[in-house]
Amino acid sequence: MSSDHVHQQFIETAQDFAPDLARALQRLGPQEFRRRDDLPFPEYLCRAISGQQISVKAAQSIWARVVASAEGRSLVEHFAACDGQGLRQCGLSNAKVKTIQGIARTHLEEGLDVATLRPLSARERADRLTTLWGVGAWTADMMNMFYFGEQDVWPDGDVAARKTLERLTSKRRKTVRTAQRFQPYRSWLAIYMWAHVDAPPDGAPITGPGG
């Protein structure tokens, strides 16, 4: 679906019940839905785990050390075989090391590749991923949206998306219910909410990520 079509549909939907949201959408302009599936899925998931709750710069630095620690070997095989001390020395917490090693070992034993996961629905895929130690609903939502390209996922566990939608609509209405108005493009709604958080506070016009 084109970003222009989604943008216009969102504005028309929001005008019926949330003028502040409609104005915010109008100001942001069409957004882009960018997938990030350039890595094998288990590796992508491990990288996502390694970068959680830290700055982008710190995440990039740590991941560069993690990749270097593999010395050219397959990252997943490296994660599964190492004792964890080397990964901790790269800057990963004990919990992240345990999660990453669990992901790698599960993939090698049971399969967590695209061929296994893509045929599943978003809900089935999320249920599968959250059986992994340290992988929660938020992470599963991010995987569904940005790796598998699911366009109708509302990540209610994302504080920025949820709080922004509340401010632009009503704090008395559950954001899950509000997001239902934007089916089947709820992932796009989250993208708009994140873009709104990053919007300049002075009201100056901005373009979408690709504008």
C-alpha atoms as a PDB file:
ATOM      1  CA  MET A   1       0.000   0.000   0.000  1.00  0.00           C
ATOM      2  CA  SER A   2       1.368   3.434  -0.900  1.00  0.00           C
ATOM      3  CA  SER A   3       2.297   5.864   1.846  1.00  0.00           C
ATOM      4  CA  ASP A   4       0.129   8.567   0.238  1.00  0.00           C
ATOM      5  CA  HIS A   5      -2.946   6.333   0.366  1.00  0.00           C
ATOM      6  CA  VAL A   6      -2.374   5.391   3.997  1.00  0.00           C
ATOM      7  CA  HIS A   7      -1.734   9.031   4.888  1.00  0.00           C
ATOM      8  CA  GLN A   8      -4.977  10.251   3.371  1.00  0.00           C
ATOM      9  CA  GLN A   9      -6.972   7.403   4.902  1.00  0.00           C
ATOM     10  CA  PHE A  10      -5.496   8.141   8.331  1.00  0.00           C
ATOM     11  CA  ILE A  11      -6.393  11.823   8.153  1.00  0.00           C
ATOM     12  CA  GLU A  12      -9.967  11.032   7.128  1.00  0.00           C
ATOM     13  CA  THR A  13     -10.278   8.494   9.950  1.00  0.00           C
ATOM     14  CA  ALA A  14      -8.828  10.814  12.586  1.00  0.00           C
ATOM     15  CA  GLN A  15     -10.993  13.780  11.576  1.00  0.00           C
ATOM     16  CA  ASP A  16     -14.076  11.862  12.693  1.00  0.00           C
ATOM     17  CA  PHE A  17     -13.024  11.570  16.337  1.00  0.00           C
ATOM     18  CA  ALA A  18      -9.671  13.239  17.106  1.00  0.00           C
ATOM     19  CA  PRO A  19      -8.961  16.650  15.514  1.00  0.00           C
ATOM     20  CA  ASP A  20      -5.578  16.950  17.282  1.00  0.00           C
ATOM     21  CA  LEU A  21      -4.483  13.648  15.806  1.00  0.00           C
ATOM     22  CA  ALA A  22      -5.707  14.657  12.350  1.00  0.00           C
ATOM     23  CA  ARG A  23      -3.695  17.881  12.523  1.00  0.00           C
ATOM     24  CA  ALA A  24      -0.588  16.014  13.680  1.00  0.00           C
ATOM     25  CA  LEU A  25      -0.873  13.543  10.828  1.00  0.00           C
ATOM     26  CA  GLN A  26      -1.381  16.332   8.328  1.00  0.00           C
ATOM     27  CA  ARG A  27       1.680  18.150   9.577  1.00  0.00           C
ATOM     28  CA  LEU A  28       3.899  15.073   9.489  1.00  0.00           C
ATOM     29  CA  GLY A  29       3.057  14.190   5.918  1.00  0.00           C
ATOM     30  CA  PRO A  30       3.269  10.680   4.423  1.00  0.00           C
ATOM     31  CA  GLN A  31       5.626   8.344   6.262  1.00  0.00           C
ATOM     32  CA  GLU A  32       7.587   5.367   4.985  1.00  0.00           C
ATOM     33  CA  PHE A  33       7.320   1.781   6.153  1.00  0.00           C
ATOM     34  CA  ARG A  34      10.866   0.513   5.956  1.00  0.00           C
ATOM     35  CA  ARG A  35      11.702  -3.139   6.387  1.00  0.00           C
ATOM     36  CA  ARG A  36      15.108  -4.172   7.711  1.00  0.00           C
ATOM     37  CA  ASP A  37      15.522  -7.757   6.563  1.00  0.00           C
ATOM     38  CA  ASP A  38      19.072  -7.539   5.238  1.00  0.00           C
ATOM     39  CA  LEU A  39      20.391  -9.963   7.906  1.00  0.00           C
ATOM     40  CA  PRO A  40      19.456 -13.593   8.633  1.00  0.00           C
ATOM     41  CA  PHE A  41      16.602 -13.430  11.118  1.00  0.00           C
ATOM     42  CA  PRO A  42      18.344 -15.036  14.133  1.00  0.00           C
ATOM     43  CA  GLU A  43      21.234 -12.600  13.717  1.00  0.00           C
ATOM     44  CA  TYR A  44      18.859  -9.659  13.340  1.00  0.00           C
ATOM     45  CA  LEU A  45      16.997 -10.670  16.489  1.00  0.00           C
ATOM     46  CA  CYS A  46      20.256 -10.983  18.440  1.00  0.00           C
ATOM     47  CA  ARG A  47      21.364  -7.570  17.227  1.00  0.00           C
ATOM     48  CA  ALA A  48      18.044  -6.060  18.273  1.00  0.00           C
ATOM     49  CA  ILE A  49      18.385  -7.580  21.745  1.00  0.00           C
ATOM     50  CA  SER A  50      21.933  -6.260  22.112  1.00  0.00           C
ATOM     51  CA  GLY A  51      20.816  -2.702  21.376  1.00  0.00           C
ATOM     52  CA  GLN A  52      17.800  -2.494  23.656  1.00  0.00           C
ATOM     53  CA  GLN A  53      17.635   0.217  26.347  1.00  0.00           C
ATOM     54  CA  ILE A  54      20.870   1.907  25.297  1.00  0.00           C
ATOM     55  CA  SER A  55      21.700   4.731  22.898  1.00  0.00           C
ATOM     56  CA  VAL A  56      22.077   4.116  19.172  1.00  0.00           C
ATOM     57  CA  LYS A  57      25.767   5.050  19.350  1.00  0.00           C
ATOM     58  CA  ALA A  58      26.437   2.662  22.221  1.00  0.00           C
ATOM     59  CA  ALA A  59      24.490  -0.124  20.478  1.00  0.00           C
ATOM     60  CA  GLN A  60      26.532   0.276  17.299  1.00  0.00           C
ATOM     61  CA  SER A  61      29.794   0.222  19.221  1.00  0.00           C
ATOM     62  CA  ILE A  62      28.885  -2.889  21.206  1.00  0.00           C
ATOM     63  CA  TRP A  63      27.639  -4.751  18.146  1.00  0.00           C
ATOM     64  CA  ALA A  64      30.851  -3.937  16.266  1.00  0.00           C
ATOM     65  CA  ARG A  65      32.820  -5.549  19.105  1.00  0.00           C
ATOM     66  CA  VAL A  66      30.463  -8.538  19.101  1.00  0.00           C
ATOM     67  CA  VAL A  67      30.979  -9.082  15.366  1.00  0.00           C
ATOM     68  CA  ALA A  68      34.745  -8.734  15.769  1.00  0.00           C
ATOM     69  CA  SER A  69      34.725 -11.323  18.554  1.00  0.00           C
ATOM     70  CA  ALA A  70      33.439 -13.947  16.100  1.00  0.00           C
ATOM     71  CA  GLU A  71      36.606 -13.560  14.017  1.00  0.00           C
ATOM     72  CA  GLY A  72      34.779 -14.236  10.772  1.00  0.00           C
ATOM     73  CA  ARG A  73      32.806 -17.253  11.975  1.00  0.00           C
ATOM     74  CA  SER A  74      29.036 -17.482  11.726  1.00  0.00           C
ATOM     75  CA  LEU A  75      27.651 -15.209  14.430  1.00  0.00           C
ATOM     76  CA  VAL A  76      24.899 -17.606  15.434  1.00  0.00           C
ATOM     77  CA  GLU A  77      27.323 -20.515  15.744  1.00  0.00           C
ATOM     78  CA  HIS A  78      29.722 -18.261  17.651  1.00  0.00           C
ATOM     79  CA  PHE A  79      26.981 -17.232  20.094  1.00  0.00           C
ATOM     80  CA  ALA A  80      25.875 -20.815  20.650  1.00  0.00           C
ATOM     81  CA  ALA A  81      29.376 -22.162  21.255  1.00  0.00           C
ATOM     82  CA  CYS A  82      31.046 -19.442  23.318  1.00  0.00           C
ATOM     83  CA  ASP A  83      30.997 -19.443  27.121  1.00  0.00           C
ATOM     84  CA  GLY A  84      29.533 -15.935  27.322  1.00  0.00           C
ATOM     85  CA  GLN A  85      32.529 -14.220  28.902  1.00  0.00           C
ATOM     86  CA  GLY A  86      33.697 -12.866  25.559  1.00  0.00           C
ATOM     87  CA  LEU A  87      30.268 -11.401  24.853  1.00  0.00           C
ATOM     88  CA  ARG A  88      30.177  -9.749  28.268  1.00  0.00           C
ATOM     89  CA  GLN A  89      33.568  -8.230  27.541  1.00  0.00           C
ATOM     90  CA  CYS A  90      32.007  -6.666  24.424  1.00  0.00           C
ATOM     91  CA  GLY A  91      29.664  -4.724  26.704  1.00  0.00           C
ATOM     92  CA  LEU A  92      26.608  -6.970  26.835  1.00  0.00           C
ATOM     93  CA  SER A  93      24.805  -7.514  30.131  1.00  0.00           C
ATOM     94  CA  ASN A  94      24.432 -10.973  31.617  1.00  0.00           C
ATOM     95  CA  ALA A  95      20.745 -10.992  30.681  1.00  0.00           C
ATOM     96  CA  LYS A  96      21.463 -10.039  27.064  1.00  0.00           C
ATOM     97  CA  VAL A  97      24.156 -12.687  26.790  1.00  0.00           C
ATOM     98  CA  LYS A  98      21.749 -15.323  28.098  1.00  0.00           C
ATOM     99  CA  THR A  99      19.050 -14.210  25.651  1.00  0.00           C
ATOM    100  CA  ILE A 100      21.365 -14.090  22.647  1.00  0.00           C
ATOM    101  CA  GLN A 101      22.844 -17.487  23.389  1.00  0.00           C
ATOM    102  CA  GLY A 102      19.369 -18.915  23.870  1.00  0.00           C
ATOM    103  CA  ILE A 103      18.258 -17.533  20.515  1.00  0.00           C
ATOM    104  CA  ALA A 104      21.305 -18.980  18.775  1.00  0.00           C
ATOM    105  CA  ARG A 105      20.974 -22.419  20.339  1.00  0.00           C
ATOM    106  CA  THR A 106      17.238 -22.572  19.674  1.00  0.00           C
ATOM    107  CA  HIS A 107      17.829 -21.682  16.039  1.00  0.00           C
ATOM    108  CA  LEU A 108      20.469 -24.370  15.599  1.00  0.00           C
ATOM    109  CA  GLU A 109      18.331 -27.000  17.336  1.00  0.00           C
ATOM    110  CA  GLU A 110      14.814 -26.108  16.190  1.00  0.00           C
ATOM    111  CA  GLY A 111      15.002 -23.425  13.507  1.00  0.00           C
ATOM    112  CA  LEU A 112      14.245 -19.714  13.779  1.00  0.00           C
ATOM    113  CA  ASP A 113      14.822 -18.830  10.164  1.00  0.00           C
ATOM    114  CA  VAL A 114      12.541 -17.023   7.747  1.00  0.00           C
ATOM    115  CA  ALA A 115      11.329 -20.229   6.112  1.00  0.00           C
ATOM    116  CA  THR A 116      10.054 -21.395   9.497  1.00  0.00           C
ATOM    117  CA  LEU A 117       8.548 -18.125  10.710  1.00  0.00           C
ATOM    118  CA  ARG A 118       7.209 -16.360   7.619  1.00  0.00           C
ATOM    119  CA  PRO A 119       4.253 -18.742   7.039  1.00  0.00           C
ATOM    120  CA  LEU A 120       2.934 -17.953  10.517  1.00  0.00           C
ATOM    121  CA  SER A 121       0.472 -15.179  11.298  1.00  0.00           C
ATOM    122  CA  ALA A 122       1.774 -12.179  13.243  1.00  0.00           C
ATOM    123  CA  ARG A 123       0.146 -13.510  16.412  1.00  0.00           C
ATOM    124  CA  GLU A 124       1.517 -17.034  15.927  1.00  0.00           C
ATOM    125  CA  ARG A 125       4.968 -15.617  15.234  1.00  0.00           C
ATOM    126  CA  ALA A 126       4.827 -13.424  18.341  1.00  0.00           C
ATOM    127  CA  ASP A 127       3.749 -16.398  20.440  1.00  0.00           C
ATOM    128  CA  ARG A 128       6.665 -18.410  19.070  1.00  0.00           C
ATOM    129  CA  LEU A 129       9.227 -15.688  19.716  1.00  0.00           C
ATOM    130  CA  THR A 130       8.069 -14.917  23.238  1.00  0.00           C
ATOM    131  CA  THR A 131       8.739 -18.500  24.300  1.00  0.00           C
ATOM    132  CA  LEU A 132      12.421 -17.558  24.055  1.00  0.00           C
ATOM    133  CA  TRP A 133      13.952 -16.442  27.337  1.00  0.00           C
ATOM    134  CA  GLY A 134      14.359 -12.653  27.377  1.00  0.00           C
ATOM    135  CA  VAL A 135      12.213 -11.992  24.285  1.00  0.00           C
ATOM    136  CA  GLY A 136       9.096 -10.069  25.253  1.00  0.00           C
ATOM    137  CA  ALA A 137       5.997  -8.856  23.454  1.00  0.00           C
ATOM    138  CA  TRP A 138       7.590  -5.535  22.478  1.00  0.00           C
ATOM    139  CA  THR A 139      10.520  -7.271  20.786  1.00  0.00           C
ATOM    140  CA  ALA A 140       8.155  -9.654  18.995  1.00  0.00           C
ATOM    141  CA  ASP A 141       6.119  -6.692  17.746  1.00  0.00           C
ATOM    142  CA  MET A 142       9.263  -4.987  16.402  1.00  0.00           C
ATOM    143  CA  MET A 143      10.285  -8.187  14.608  1.00  0.00           C
ATOM    144  CA  ASN A 144       6.835  -8.559  13.088  1.00  0.00           C
ATOM    145  CA  MET A 145       6.772  -4.974  11.905  1.00  0.00           C
ATOM    146  CA  PHE A 146      10.271  -4.299  10.699  1.00  0.00           C
ATOM    147  CA  TYR A 147      11.614  -7.687   9.680  1.00  0.00           C
ATOM    148  CA  PHE A 148       8.501  -9.472   8.440  1.00  0.00           C
ATOM    149  CA  GLY A 149       6.756  -6.343   7.179  1.00  0.00           C
ATOM    150  CA  GLU A 150       3.492  -6.869   9.051  1.00  0.00           C
ATOM    151  CA  GLN A 151       1.465  -3.710   8.462  1.00  0.00           C
ATOM    152  CA  ASP A 152      -1.241  -4.260  11.072  1.00  0.00           C
ATOM    153  CA  VAL A 153       0.571  -4.539  14.410  1.00  0.00           C
ATOM    154  CA  TRP A 154      -0.112  -2.018  17.175  1.00  0.00           C
ATOM    155  CA  PRO A 155       2.799  -2.218  19.667  1.00  0.00           C
ATOM    156  CA  ASP A 156       0.876  -1.221  22.781  1.00  0.00           C
ATOM    157  CA  GLY A 157       3.898  -2.067  24.903  1.00  0.00           C
ATOM    158  CA  ASP A 158       5.858   0.747  23.283  1.00  0.00           C
ATOM    159  CA  VAL A 159       5.619   3.656  25.718  1.00  0.00           C
ATOM    160  CA  ALA A 160       6.375   6.374  23.161  1.00  0.00           C
ATOM    161  CA  ALA A 161       3.742   5.178  20.680  1.00  0.00           C
ATOM    162  CA  ARG A 162       1.100   4.581  23.344  1.00  0.00           C
ATOM    163  CA  LYS A 163       1.586   7.840  25.247  1.00  0.00           C
ATOM    164  CA  THR A 164       1.725   9.906  22.069  1.00  0.00           C
ATOM    165  CA  LEU A 165      -1.529   8.415  20.807  1.00  0.00           C
ATOM    166  CA  GLU A 166      -3.130   9.084  24.195  1.00  0.00           C
ATOM    167  CA  ARG A 167      -2.077  12.742  24.086  1.00  0.00           C
ATOM    168  CA  LEU A 168      -3.442  13.186  20.578  1.00  0.00           C
ATOM    169  CA  THR A 169      -6.743  11.429  21.264  1.00  0.00           C
ATOM    170  CA  SER A 170      -7.930  10.728  24.802  1.00  0.00           C
ATOM    171  CA  LYS A 171      -6.294   9.351  27.938  1.00  0.00           C
ATOM    172  CA  ARG A 172      -9.651   7.842  28.856  1.00  0.00           C
ATOM    173  CA  ARG A 173      -9.740   5.595  25.805  1.00  0.00           C
ATOM    174  CA  LYS A 174      -7.566   2.496  25.558  1.00  0.00           C
ATOM    175  CA  THR A 175      -5.016   2.958  22.793  1.00  0.00           C
ATOM    176  CA  VAL A 176      -5.678  -0.590  21.616  1.00  0.00           C
ATOM    177  CA  ARG A 177      -9.269   0.446  20.896  1.00  0.00           C
ATOM    178  CA  THR A 178      -8.186   3.688  19.255  1.00  0.00           C
ATOM    179  CA  ALA A 179      -5.704   1.848  17.052  1.00  0.00           C
ATOM    180  CA  GLN A 180      -8.452  -0.490  15.848  1.00  0.00           C
ATOM    181  CA  ARG A 181      -9.891   2.418  13.890  1.00  0.00           C
ATOM    182  CA  PHE A 182      -6.774   2.326  11.717  1.00  0.00           C
ATOM    183  CA  GLN A 183      -6.879  -1.337  10.763  1.00  0.00           C
ATOM    184  CA  PRO A 184      -5.390  -2.860   8.669  1.00  0.00           C
ATOM    185  CA  TYR A 185      -2.494  -0.362   8.962  1.00  0.00           C
ATOM    186  CA  ARG A 186      -1.839  -0.141  12.689  1.00  0.00           C
ATOM    187  CA  SER A 187       1.914  -0.534  12.190  1.00  0.00           C
ATOM    188  CA  TRP A 188       1.828   2.682  10.188  1.00  0.00           C
ATOM    189  CA  LEU A 189       0.038   4.377  13.079  1.00  0.00           C
ATOM    190  CA  ALA A 190       2.959   3.525  15.368  1.00  0.00           C
ATOM    191  CA  ILE A 191       5.374   4.945  12.797  1.00  0.00           C
ATOM    192  CA  TYR A 192       3.407   8.197  12.792  1.00  0.00           C
ATOM    193  CA  MET A 193       3.481   8.348  16.588  1.00  0.00           C
ATOM    194  CA  TRP A 194       7.256   7.879  16.662  1.00  0.00           C
ATOM    195  CA  ALA A 195       7.655  10.530  13.978  1.00  0.00           C
ATOM    196  CA  HIS A 196       5.493  12.918  16.001  1.00  0.00           C
ATOM    197  CA  VAL A 197       7.751  12.488  19.039  1.00  0.00           C
ATOM    198  CA  ASP A 198      10.722  13.475  16.870  1.00  0.00           C
ATOM    199  CA  ALA A 199       8.892  16.399  15.243  1.00  0.00           C
ATOM    200  CA  PRO A 200      10.256  19.911  15.903  1.00  0.00           C
ATOM    201  CA  PRO A 201       8.418  21.629  18.782  1.00  0.00           C
ATOM    202  CA  ASP A 202       8.123  24.997  17.021  1.00  0.00           C
ATOM    203  CA  GLY A 203       5.432  23.846  14.606  1.00  0.00           C
ATOM    204  CA  ALA A 204       7.623  24.156  11.530  1.00  0.00           C
ATOM    205  CA  PRO A 205       6.557  21.934   8.609  1.00  0.00           C
ATOM    206  CA  ILE A 206       8.530  18.734   8.206  1.00  0.00           C
ATOM    207  CA  THR A 207       8.568  15.941   5.645  1.00  0.00           C
ATOM    208  CA  GLY A 208       8.396  12.211   6.128  1.00  0.00           C
ATOM    209  CA  PRO A 209      11.552  10.107   6.507  1.00  0.00           C
ATOM    210  CA  GLY A 210      12.048   9.895   2.778  1.00  0.00           C
ATOM    211  CA  GLY A 211      10.866  13.434   1.983  1.00  0.00           C
END
